[in-house]
Amino acid sequence: MGKEEALKFDKWGYPVNTTSNHCISAINDFYEQDEATVYEKAVFDAVSCIISDDTDDDVALEFHFKLLRDFPKDLSSLKRAQILCFYMGQPNPSLDLVQQVLPENEEEAYIYGMLSFPLLELGQMEEAERAARKALEINKQDVWAQHCSKPQHNGTGSIPISLQLGSILCRFIPIKILVCCVYHGDGTSANTFCQCSCAMFFNMNVVSLKLYSSWKIARLHGVPVRHSCHSPVAKVLDVYDHCIMREIDRTDATRPEVYLNALGLLLRLHIRGQISLFEDRLKNLAELLTDKSLWYLEWQLDLFILWALTNTDKLPAAQELLKGLKLRVSNMSDKKQQQFQRGLSLAETIYEYGRGKDERALQLLGSDFDACDYKAIGASDEQIDVFNEVWYILLLNTGKAVKVIDAIEKRLKMRDGVPFLWRLLERAYSMMGREEAVRAADKANHLERIYFQ
């Protein structure tokens, strides 16, 4: 009998080299946990809640809390639970989980990096930094700690090149805190951005930036720039070509991850009116994004794909993607539908925004939009903030300067070190004929000189 004829599958679909149904039944019986340890049963229950057809995230989270109460050293389950919290858009239980197991893991560097992340999401920057520093005291190469650690001067009074490049990029992408040295999985490090993996720089495990501002964590989201060969835009072109898209040539690269990074950068350039130099790149990328195998993997990626397709007049593909998202939401449980309805409305908004239908897009977002309410799409505060920027631009483009002024002035009370916000405020003041436009411009210029000296 040939090898293929002797192949059977257990209940989970794993191949077993046997012709015996009794053998398969015995394996399946083992899966029923009669022989499982207490720990294995607990993990099985927790994971089953996540992968079941009628999954309930709240129930799954409760199972993980119970699992980690009984087995606090199971950092793998802790990480799984944190990811669950991330996609639920709930940093509070993520923090509670870490604090629950912290007493049993005080000597583990990784636990402090895991502690830092929800602290960052909750805006507790000082606590996040202390946790990251604690991790680095234990292990200087801990990736999660580096994600949350602030840079140091290089002793010369100037910012290291990695920070200079980071400060350029942070005008166009969401960034929190940057470290001077990027750690690779093989134990090596890089002193410049171009040597590091873009996946670490842009995604959830992104290396981020901390600069010198009164708020301490400067989310520098871009300002108008010169088009000389020495301008930041020229450098961003180089980064896009040689640091982001070149990642696709890596043997371990994943296309969705690379395209998510590229689209996030291009969308922010578009918002800042700097997309003209990137139009060919956007068109080329949009052509790649008609590949349906890239759809429905991540909500955030789907939203970016919608924008790219509509912005490059690939409306049939965009309509099909949007229709598919609506279908998937309609097939969810009532509880899940309620959770993802906002994500769906955001998808409809981005579809209209990409088509240049600003009035309709703003109508979908509403007059009191806050992107932080949409974190269930699977994005951190920093990643999702691009949709706040879309809202500001829509308000300005439809003549609602008063609303923009009110919204941005509130934001600046918490974060006044973001040049792009001051540029938006300058534009809004100018539309109203208010003298404060000069002050806003001066503030933006001052911040730009600091960050790009």
Protein backbone atom coordinates (compact mmCIF):
# COMPACT_ATOMS: atom_id res chain seq x y z
CA MET A 1 0.00 0.00 0.00
CA GLY A 2 1.42 3.40 -0.96
CA LYS A 3 2.36 6.03 1.56
CA GLU A 4 -0.53 8.32 0.63
CA GLU A 5 -3.01 5.46 0.99
CA ALA A 6 -1.74 4.83 4.55
CA LEU A 7 -2.32 8.42 5.59
CA LYS A 8 -5.20 9.32 7.88
CA PHE A 9 -6.04 12.49 9.78
CA ASP A 10 -6.90 13.07 13.41
CA LYS A 11 -9.74 15.32 14.59
CA TRP A 12 -7.58 18.43 14.28
CA GLY A 13 -6.55 17.62 10.72
CA TYR A 14 -3.02 16.47 11.49
CA PRO A 15 -1.76 13.65 9.22
CA VAL A 16 -1.02 10.27 10.82
CA ASN A 17 0.80 7.48 8.98
CA THR A 18 -1.62 4.68 9.73
CA THR A 19 -4.37 2.58 8.17
CA SER A 20 -5.99 1.91 11.53
CA ASN A 21 -9.18 3.69 12.48
CA HIS A 22 -8.58 2.42 16.01
CA CYS A 23 -5.28 4.29 16.08
CA ILE A 24 -6.98 7.52 15.04
CA SER A 25 -9.72 7.00 17.62
CA ALA A 26 -7.11 6.50 20.33
CA ILE A 27 -5.38 9.73 19.35
CA ASN A 28 -8.69 11.59 19.31
CA ASP A 29 -9.58 10.17 22.70
CA PHE A 30 -6.34 11.59 24.06
CA TYR A 31 -7.42 14.97 22.79
CA GLU A 32 -10.45 14.65 25.03
CA GLN A 33 -7.96 15.39 27.84
CA ASP A 34 -8.36 12.20 29.82
CA GLU A 35 -4.58 12.04 29.91
CA ALA A 36 -3.92 15.79 30.01
CA THR A 37 -2.33 17.60 32.93
CA VAL A 38 -4.16 20.33 34.81
CA TYR A 39 -2.02 22.91 33.04
CA GLU A 40 -2.72 21.41 29.60
CA LYS A 41 -6.44 21.43 30.31
CA ALA A 42 -6.30 25.08 31.36
CA VAL A 43 -4.42 26.10 28.22
CA PHE A 44 -6.77 24.01 26.07
CA ASP A 45 -9.82 25.72 27.56
CA ALA A 46 -8.33 29.19 27.11
CA VAL A 47 -7.27 28.63 23.51
CA SER A 48 -10.52 26.87 22.60
CA CYS A 49 -12.45 29.99 23.58
CA ILE A 50 -10.46 32.01 21.08
CA ILE A 51 -10.71 29.66 18.11
CA SER A 52 -14.28 28.44 18.52
CA ASP A 53 -16.86 29.44 15.91
CA ASP A 54 -18.98 31.25 18.48
CA THR A 55 -16.01 32.84 20.20
CA ASP A 56 -16.67 35.39 22.93
CA ASP A 57 -13.64 37.55 23.66
CA ASP A 58 -14.79 38.41 27.17
CA VAL A 59 -15.15 34.74 28.06
CA ALA A 60 -11.77 33.95 26.52
CA LEU A 61 -10.22 36.73 28.56
CA GLU A 62 -11.74 35.35 31.76
CA PHE A 63 -10.26 31.93 30.99
CA HIS A 64 -6.84 33.55 30.57
CA PHE A 65 -7.15 35.39 33.87
CA LYS A 66 -7.93 32.07 35.56
CA LEU A 67 -5.11 30.29 33.74
CA LEU A 68 -2.59 32.91 34.79
CA ARG A 69 -3.80 32.92 38.38
CA ASP A 70 -3.00 29.22 38.55
CA PHE A 71 0.11 29.31 36.35
CA PRO A 72 1.62 32.81 36.63
CA LYS A 73 4.90 31.83 34.97
CA ASP A 74 3.19 30.99 31.68
CA LEU A 75 4.38 34.08 29.82
CA SER A 76 3.32 32.59 26.50
CA SER A 77 -0.29 32.59 27.65
CA LEU A 78 0.20 36.09 29.03
CA LYS A 79 1.36 37.26 25.63
CA ARG A 80 -1.61 35.56 23.96
CA ALA A 81 -3.95 37.29 26.40
CA GLN A 82 -2.33 40.66 25.74
CA ILE A 83 -2.82 40.19 22.01
CA LEU A 84 -6.46 39.39 22.71
CA CYS A 85 -6.78 42.61 24.72
CA PHE A 86 -5.09 44.53 21.92
CA TYR A 87 -7.65 43.36 19.39
CA MET A 88 -10.42 44.09 21.85
CA GLY A 89 -9.07 47.63 22.20
CA GLN A 90 -8.83 47.23 25.97
CA PRO A 91 -5.44 48.12 27.51
CA ASN A 92 -6.78 48.06 31.09
CA PRO A 93 -7.21 44.27 31.38
CA SER A 94 -3.90 43.88 29.55
CA LEU A 95 -2.24 45.84 32.34
CA ASP A 96 -4.17 43.91 35.00
CA LEU A 97 -2.93 40.62 33.57
CA VAL A 98 0.71 41.67 33.72
CA GLN A 99 0.39 43.04 37.23
CA GLN A 100 -1.27 39.81 38.30
CA VAL A 101 1.73 37.66 37.33
CA LEU A 102 4.49 40.21 37.98
CA PRO A 103 5.30 39.03 41.56
CA GLU A 104 6.17 35.58 40.20
CA ASN A 105 8.32 36.91 37.36
CA GLU A 106 10.27 39.80 38.86
CA GLU A 107 13.58 38.52 37.48
CA GLU A 108 12.32 38.21 33.91
CA ALA A 109 13.22 41.11 31.62
CA TYR A 110 10.43 40.26 29.22
CA ILE A 111 7.70 40.81 31.80
CA TYR A 112 8.69 44.46 32.19
CA GLY A 113 8.54 45.01 28.45
CA MET A 114 5.07 43.48 28.49
CA LEU A 115 4.21 45.81 31.36
CA SER A 116 5.41 48.84 29.43
CA PHE A 117 3.15 48.36 26.44
CA PRO A 118 -0.27 48.69 28.14
CA LEU A 119 1.13 51.53 30.23
CA LEU A 120 1.99 53.34 27.00
CA GLU A 121 -1.48 52.67 25.62
CA LEU A 122 -2.97 54.13 28.80
CA GLY A 123 -0.81 57.24 28.54
CA GLN A 124 1.23 56.43 31.66
CA MET A 125 4.51 57.34 30.02
CA GLU A 126 6.71 57.71 33.07
CA GLU A 127 5.62 54.35 34.47
CA ALA A 128 6.16 52.74 31.07
CA GLU A 129 9.67 54.14 30.89
CA ARG A 130 10.52 52.91 34.38
CA ALA A 131 9.33 49.42 33.49
CA ALA A 132 11.38 49.45 30.29
CA ARG A 133 14.49 50.58 32.14
CA LYS A 134 13.99 47.80 34.66
CA ALA A 135 13.90 45.30 31.80
CA LEU A 136 17.07 46.71 30.27
CA GLU A 137 18.84 46.41 33.60
CA ILE A 138 18.14 42.68 33.43
CA ASN A 139 18.67 42.23 29.69
CA LYS A 140 19.94 45.06 27.50
CA GLN A 141 18.71 43.27 24.39
CA ASP A 142 15.09 42.84 25.42
CA VAL A 143 13.02 43.90 22.40
CA TRP A 144 9.86 44.91 24.26
CA ALA A 145 11.90 47.05 26.62
CA GLN A 146 13.68 48.75 23.73
CA HIS A 147 10.25 49.48 22.29
CA CYS A 148 9.50 51.59 25.34
CA SER A 149 12.89 53.05 26.20
CA LYS A 150 13.86 56.63 25.50
CA PRO A 151 17.06 57.54 23.61
CA GLN A 152 20.16 58.97 25.19
CA HIS A 153 22.44 61.64 23.79
CA ASN A 154 25.60 60.30 22.21
CA GLY A 155 27.78 62.44 24.45
CA THR A 156 28.47 65.06 21.79
CA GLY A 157 25.33 67.08 22.32
CA SER A 158 23.88 65.95 19.01
CA ILE A 159 21.30 63.33 18.16
CA PRO A 160 22.65 60.03 16.77
CA ILE A 161 21.92 59.31 13.11
CA SER A 162 19.31 56.71 14.01
CA LEU A 163 17.35 59.40 15.84
CA GLN A 164 17.79 61.87 13.00
CA LEU A 165 16.31 59.43 10.50
CA GLY A 166 13.63 58.51 13.00
CA SER A 167 12.73 62.14 13.48
CA ILE A 168 12.33 62.55 9.73
CA LEU A 169 10.11 59.51 9.43
CA CYS A 170 8.05 60.41 12.44
CA ARG A 171 6.69 63.33 10.52
CA PHE A 172 4.86 60.84 8.37
CA ILE A 173 4.25 57.76 10.51
CA PRO A 174 2.98 57.18 14.07
CA ILE A 175 5.83 56.92 16.53
CA LYS A 176 6.08 56.80 20.30
CA ILE A 177 9.59 56.35 21.60
CA LEU A 178 12.83 55.66 19.73
CA VAL A 179 15.88 53.81 20.96
CA CYS A 180 19.30 54.44 19.55
CA CYS A 181 20.06 50.79 18.94
CA VAL A 182 17.73 48.37 17.23
CA TYR A 183 18.03 44.76 18.33
CA HIS A 184 17.80 41.95 15.80
CA GLY A 185 16.76 38.41 16.54
CA ASP A 186 20.26 37.09 15.85
CA GLY A 187 21.70 39.16 18.68
CA THR A 188 23.22 41.85 16.48
CA SER A 189 22.27 45.49 16.56
CA ALA A 190 22.05 48.37 14.17
CA ASN A 191 22.90 52.00 14.70
CA THR A 192 20.87 53.36 11.80
CA PHE A 193 17.30 52.94 10.76
CA CYS A 194 18.15 51.55 7.34
CA GLN A 195 19.83 48.53 8.88
CA CYS A 196 16.83 47.51 10.93
CA SER A 197 13.79 45.52 10.01
CA CYS A 198 10.90 47.75 9.00
CA ALA A 199 8.59 45.36 10.77
CA MET A 200 10.15 46.34 14.08
CA PHE A 201 10.03 50.01 13.13
CA PHE A 202 6.45 50.40 12.01
CA ASN A 203 4.23 47.70 13.47
CA MET A 204 2.94 46.86 16.90
CA ASN A 205 6.47 45.82 17.89
CA VAL A 206 7.66 49.04 16.33
CA VAL A 207 10.77 50.82 17.51
CA SER A 208 9.55 54.25 18.46
CA LEU A 209 10.76 57.72 19.21
CA LYS A 210 11.13 59.80 22.31
CA LEU A 211 12.30 63.36 21.78
CA TYR A 212 12.73 66.42 23.90
CA SER A 213 9.34 68.08 24.20
CA SER A 214 7.35 69.37 27.11
CA TRP A 215 5.09 66.38 26.81
CA LYS A 216 8.16 64.08 26.53
CA ILE A 217 6.57 61.73 24.04
CA ALA A 218 6.43 63.66 20.78
CA ARG A 219 4.24 62.23 18.10
CA LEU A 220 5.72 64.14 15.22
CA HIS A 221 3.29 63.77 12.40
CA GLY A 222 4.76 65.77 9.59
CA VAL A 223 4.88 69.28 8.23
CA PRO A 224 5.30 70.84 4.79
CA VAL A 225 8.83 70.26 3.57
CA ARG A 226 11.18 71.49 0.89
CA HIS A 227 11.73 69.40 -2.22
CA SER A 228 15.48 69.85 -2.46
CA CYS A 229 17.73 66.81 -2.68
CA HIS A 230 18.55 67.30 0.99
CA SER A 231 14.95 67.59 2.16
CA PRO A 232 13.26 65.12 4.50
CA VAL A 233 10.95 64.05 1.66
CA ALA A 234 13.96 62.94 -0.37
CA LYS A 235 15.12 60.89 2.58
CA VAL A 236 11.66 59.44 3.07
CA LEU A 237 11.71 58.40 -0.58
CA ASP A 238 14.92 56.55 0.09
CA VAL A 239 13.49 54.92 3.20
CA TYR A 240 10.36 53.83 1.35
CA ASP A 241 12.38 52.27 -1.46
CA HIS A 242 15.31 50.82 0.44
CA CYS A 243 14.00 50.12 3.93
CA ILE A 244 10.33 49.29 3.52
CA MET A 245 9.69 47.86 0.08
CA ARG A 246 13.06 46.15 -0.04
CA GLU A 247 11.87 44.06 2.88
CA ILE A 248 9.82 42.08 0.39
CA ASP A 249 13.06 40.51 -0.84
CA ARG A 250 13.85 39.03 2.56
CA THR A 251 13.35 35.29 2.84
CA ASP A 252 11.38 35.77 6.06
CA ALA A 253 9.29 38.69 4.80
CA THR A 254 5.51 38.63 4.88
CA ARG A 255 3.80 40.73 2.24
CA PRO A 256 0.91 41.94 4.42
CA GLU A 257 3.35 43.29 7.00
CA VAL A 258 5.45 45.08 4.39
CA TYR A 259 2.42 46.55 2.65
CA LEU A 260 0.90 47.69 5.94
CA ASN A 261 4.06 49.67 6.65
CA ALA A 262 4.20 51.12 3.16
CA LEU A 263 0.53 52.12 3.13
CA GLY A 264 0.74 53.72 6.55
CA LEU A 265 3.56 55.92 5.31
CA LEU A 266 1.85 56.79 2.03
CA LEU A 267 -1.45 57.68 3.70
CA ARG A 268 0.30 60.10 6.04
CA LEU A 269 2.14 61.65 3.12
CA HIS A 270 -1.19 62.09 1.36
CA ILE A 271 -2.72 63.76 4.41
CA ARG A 272 0.21 66.17 4.48
CA GLY A 273 -0.10 67.04 0.80
CA GLN A 274 3.22 65.40 0.01
CA ILE A 275 2.03 62.44 -2.06
CA SER A 276 2.99 63.87 -5.47
CA LEU A 277 6.52 62.45 -5.38
CA PHE A 278 5.11 59.07 -4.40
CA GLU A 279 2.24 58.76 -6.89
CA ASP A 280 3.98 56.17 -9.07
CA ARG A 281 4.86 54.15 -6.01
CA LEU A 282 1.28 54.31 -4.78
CA LYS A 283 -0.05 53.17 -8.15
CA ASN A 284 2.41 50.27 -8.27
CA LEU A 285 1.49 49.25 -4.74
CA ALA A 286 -2.24 49.53 -5.44
CA GLU A 287 -1.82 47.13 -8.34
CA LEU A 288 -0.26 44.60 -5.99
CA LEU A 289 -3.11 45.11 -3.54
CA THR A 290 -5.70 43.83 -6.00
CA ASP A 291 -4.43 40.39 -4.97
CA LYS A 292 -7.37 39.13 -2.88
CA SER A 293 -5.14 36.88 -0.79
CA LEU A 294 -4.07 40.07 0.98
CA TRP A 295 -7.63 41.00 1.93
CA TYR A 296 -9.42 40.25 5.20
CA LEU A 297 -6.23 39.50 7.13
CA GLU A 298 -6.21 42.62 9.34
CA TRP A 299 -8.82 45.35 9.65
CA GLN A 300 -6.15 48.02 9.67
CA LEU A 301 -4.60 46.65 6.49
CA ASP A 302 -8.02 46.43 4.81
CA LEU A 303 -8.67 50.09 5.61
CA PHE A 304 -5.34 51.12 4.11
CA ILE A 305 -5.97 48.95 1.04
CA LEU A 306 -9.38 50.59 0.57
CA TRP A 307 -7.74 54.00 0.57
CA ALA A 308 -5.03 52.95 -1.91
CA LEU A 309 -7.51 51.32 -4.30
CA THR A 310 -9.96 54.23 -4.29
CA ASN A 311 -7.21 56.84 -4.51
CA THR A 312 -5.83 55.17 -7.63
CA ASP A 313 -9.26 54.72 -9.26
CA LYS A 314 -9.43 50.96 -8.77
CA LEU A 315 -13.04 51.31 -7.69
CA PRO A 316 -14.35 47.83 -8.67
CA ALA A 317 -11.71 46.18 -6.47
CA ALA A 318 -12.38 48.65 -3.65
CA GLN A 319 -16.12 48.04 -3.86
CA GLU A 320 -15.57 44.29 -3.73
CA LEU A 321 -13.34 44.63 -0.67
CA LEU A 322 -15.85 46.86 1.11
CA LYS A 323 -18.71 44.53 0.23
CA GLY A 324 -16.71 41.62 1.64
CA LEU A 325 -16.11 43.46 4.90
CA LYS A 326 -19.82 44.15 5.26
CA LEU A 327 -20.61 40.49 4.60
CA ARG A 328 -18.14 39.33 7.22
CA VAL A 329 -19.58 41.65 9.83
CA SER A 330 -23.12 40.53 9.00
CA ASN A 331 -22.09 36.91 9.64
CA MET A 332 -20.75 37.71 13.11
CA SER A 333 -22.62 37.22 16.34
CA ASP A 334 -24.69 40.16 17.55
CA LYS A 335 -22.01 41.01 20.10
CA LYS A 336 -19.25 40.91 17.49
CA GLN A 337 -21.32 42.94 15.05
CA GLN A 338 -21.67 45.67 17.64
CA GLN A 339 -17.92 45.59 18.26
CA PHE A 340 -16.97 45.85 14.59
CA GLN A 341 -19.68 48.23 13.43
CA ARG A 342 -17.37 51.15 14.07
CA GLY A 343 -14.64 49.48 12.06
CA LEU A 344 -17.10 49.06 9.22
CA SER A 345 -18.15 52.71 9.37
CA LEU A 346 -14.48 53.65 9.28
CA ALA A 347 -14.03 51.47 6.20
CA GLU A 348 -16.92 53.28 4.49
CA THR A 349 -15.34 56.60 5.47
CA ILE A 350 -11.95 55.69 4.02
CA TYR A 351 -13.65 54.50 0.83
CA GLU A 352 -15.29 57.90 0.40
CA TYR A 353 -12.16 59.79 1.46
CA GLY A 354 -10.09 57.95 -1.13
CA ARG A 355 -12.61 58.93 -3.80
CA GLY A 356 -12.35 62.58 -2.77
CA LYS A 357 -15.90 62.65 -1.38
CA ASP A 358 -15.04 64.71 1.67
CA GLU A 359 -18.57 65.76 2.61
CA ARG A 360 -19.82 62.17 2.58
CA ALA A 361 -16.74 60.91 4.45
CA LEU A 362 -17.21 63.52 7.17
CA GLN A 363 -20.88 62.68 7.45
CA LEU A 364 -19.93 59.05 8.15
CA LEU A 365 -17.34 59.99 10.79
CA GLY A 366 -19.52 62.53 12.54
CA SER A 367 -18.69 65.72 14.38
CA ASP A 368 -17.27 64.13 17.53
CA PHE A 369 -14.95 61.49 16.11
CA ASP A 370 -12.15 60.03 18.23
CA ALA A 371 -10.01 57.30 16.69
CA CYS A 372 -9.29 55.80 20.12
CA ASP A 373 -12.87 54.51 20.11
CA TYR A 374 -11.99 52.36 17.09
CA LYS A 375 -9.10 50.34 18.48
CA ALA A 376 -10.91 47.06 17.84
CA ILE A 377 -9.54 47.24 14.29
CA GLY A 378 -6.26 46.05 15.80
CA ALA A 379 -4.15 49.18 16.11
CA SER A 380 -2.40 50.98 18.92
CA ASP A 381 -3.11 54.59 19.83
CA GLU A 382 -0.19 55.70 17.70
CA GLN A 383 -1.16 53.61 14.69
CA ILE A 384 -4.81 54.58 14.77
CA ASP A 385 -4.14 58.30 15.18
CA VAL A 386 -3.83 58.64 11.40
CA PHE A 387 -7.63 58.47 11.29
CA ASN A 388 -7.82 61.48 13.60
CA GLU A 389 -5.67 63.25 11.05
CA VAL A 390 -8.06 62.22 8.27
CA TRP A 391 -10.89 63.73 10.33
CA TYR A 392 -9.02 67.02 10.79
CA ILE A 393 -8.36 67.24 7.05
CA LEU A 394 -11.98 66.47 6.23
CA LEU A 395 -13.13 69.22 8.58
CA LEU A 396 -10.73 71.72 7.03
CA ASN A 397 -11.60 70.70 3.48
CA THR A 398 -15.29 71.24 4.20
CA GLY A 399 -14.79 74.63 5.82
CA LYS A 400 -15.33 73.61 9.43
CA ALA A 401 -12.34 75.48 10.83
CA VAL A 402 -14.01 76.24 14.17
CA LYS A 403 -14.40 72.54 14.91
CA VAL A 404 -10.78 71.86 13.96
CA ILE A 405 -9.55 74.62 16.23
CA ASP A 406 -11.56 73.28 19.14
CA ALA A 407 -10.39 69.68 18.60
CA ILE A 408 -6.71 70.47 18.08
CA GLU A 409 -6.50 72.96 20.94
CA LYS A 410 -7.77 70.20 23.23
CA ARG A 411 -5.16 67.81 21.84
CA LEU A 412 -2.36 70.33 22.28
CA LYS A 413 -3.16 70.68 25.97
CA MET A 414 -1.94 67.09 26.28
CA ARG A 415 0.62 67.01 23.48
CA ASP A 416 2.01 70.33 22.34
CA GLY A 417 5.18 69.03 20.69
CA VAL A 418 3.66 67.84 17.41
CA PRO A 419 4.55 70.18 14.51
CA PHE A 420 1.86 68.85 12.20
CA LEU A 421 -0.91 69.72 14.66
CA TRP A 422 0.40 73.28 14.82
CA ARG A 423 0.39 73.43 11.02
CA LEU A 424 -3.21 72.30 10.95
CA LEU A 425 -4.05 74.87 13.61
CA GLU A 426 -2.28 77.55 11.58
CA ARG A 427 -4.41 76.65 8.56
CA ALA A 428 -7.62 76.70 10.60
CA TYR A 429 -6.79 80.08 12.17
CA SER A 430 -5.97 81.48 8.72
CA MET A 431 -9.31 80.30 7.36
CA MET A 432 -10.97 82.25 10.18
CA GLY A 433 -8.77 85.30 9.63
CA ARG A 434 -7.46 85.08 13.18
CA GLU A 435 -4.14 86.56 14.27
CA GLU A 436 -3.29 83.37 16.18
CA ALA A 437 -2.22 81.87 12.83
CA VAL A 438 1.12 83.66 13.18
CA ARG A 439 1.71 82.21 16.64
CA ALA A 440 0.82 78.70 15.42
CA ALA A 441 3.23 79.06 12.49
CA ASP A 442 6.01 80.25 14.79
CA LYS A 443 5.43 77.29 17.09
CA ALA A 444 5.52 74.84 14.19
CA ASN A 445 8.72 76.42 12.84
CA HIS A 446 10.33 76.26 16.27
CA LEU A 447 9.52 72.57 16.69
CA GLU A 448 10.75 71.79 13.19
CA ARG A 449 14.07 73.48 13.90
CA ILE A 450 14.46 71.41 17.06
CA TYR A 451 13.61 68.11 15.44
CA PHE A 452 15.42 68.63 12.14
CA GLN A 453 18.46 70.68 13.04
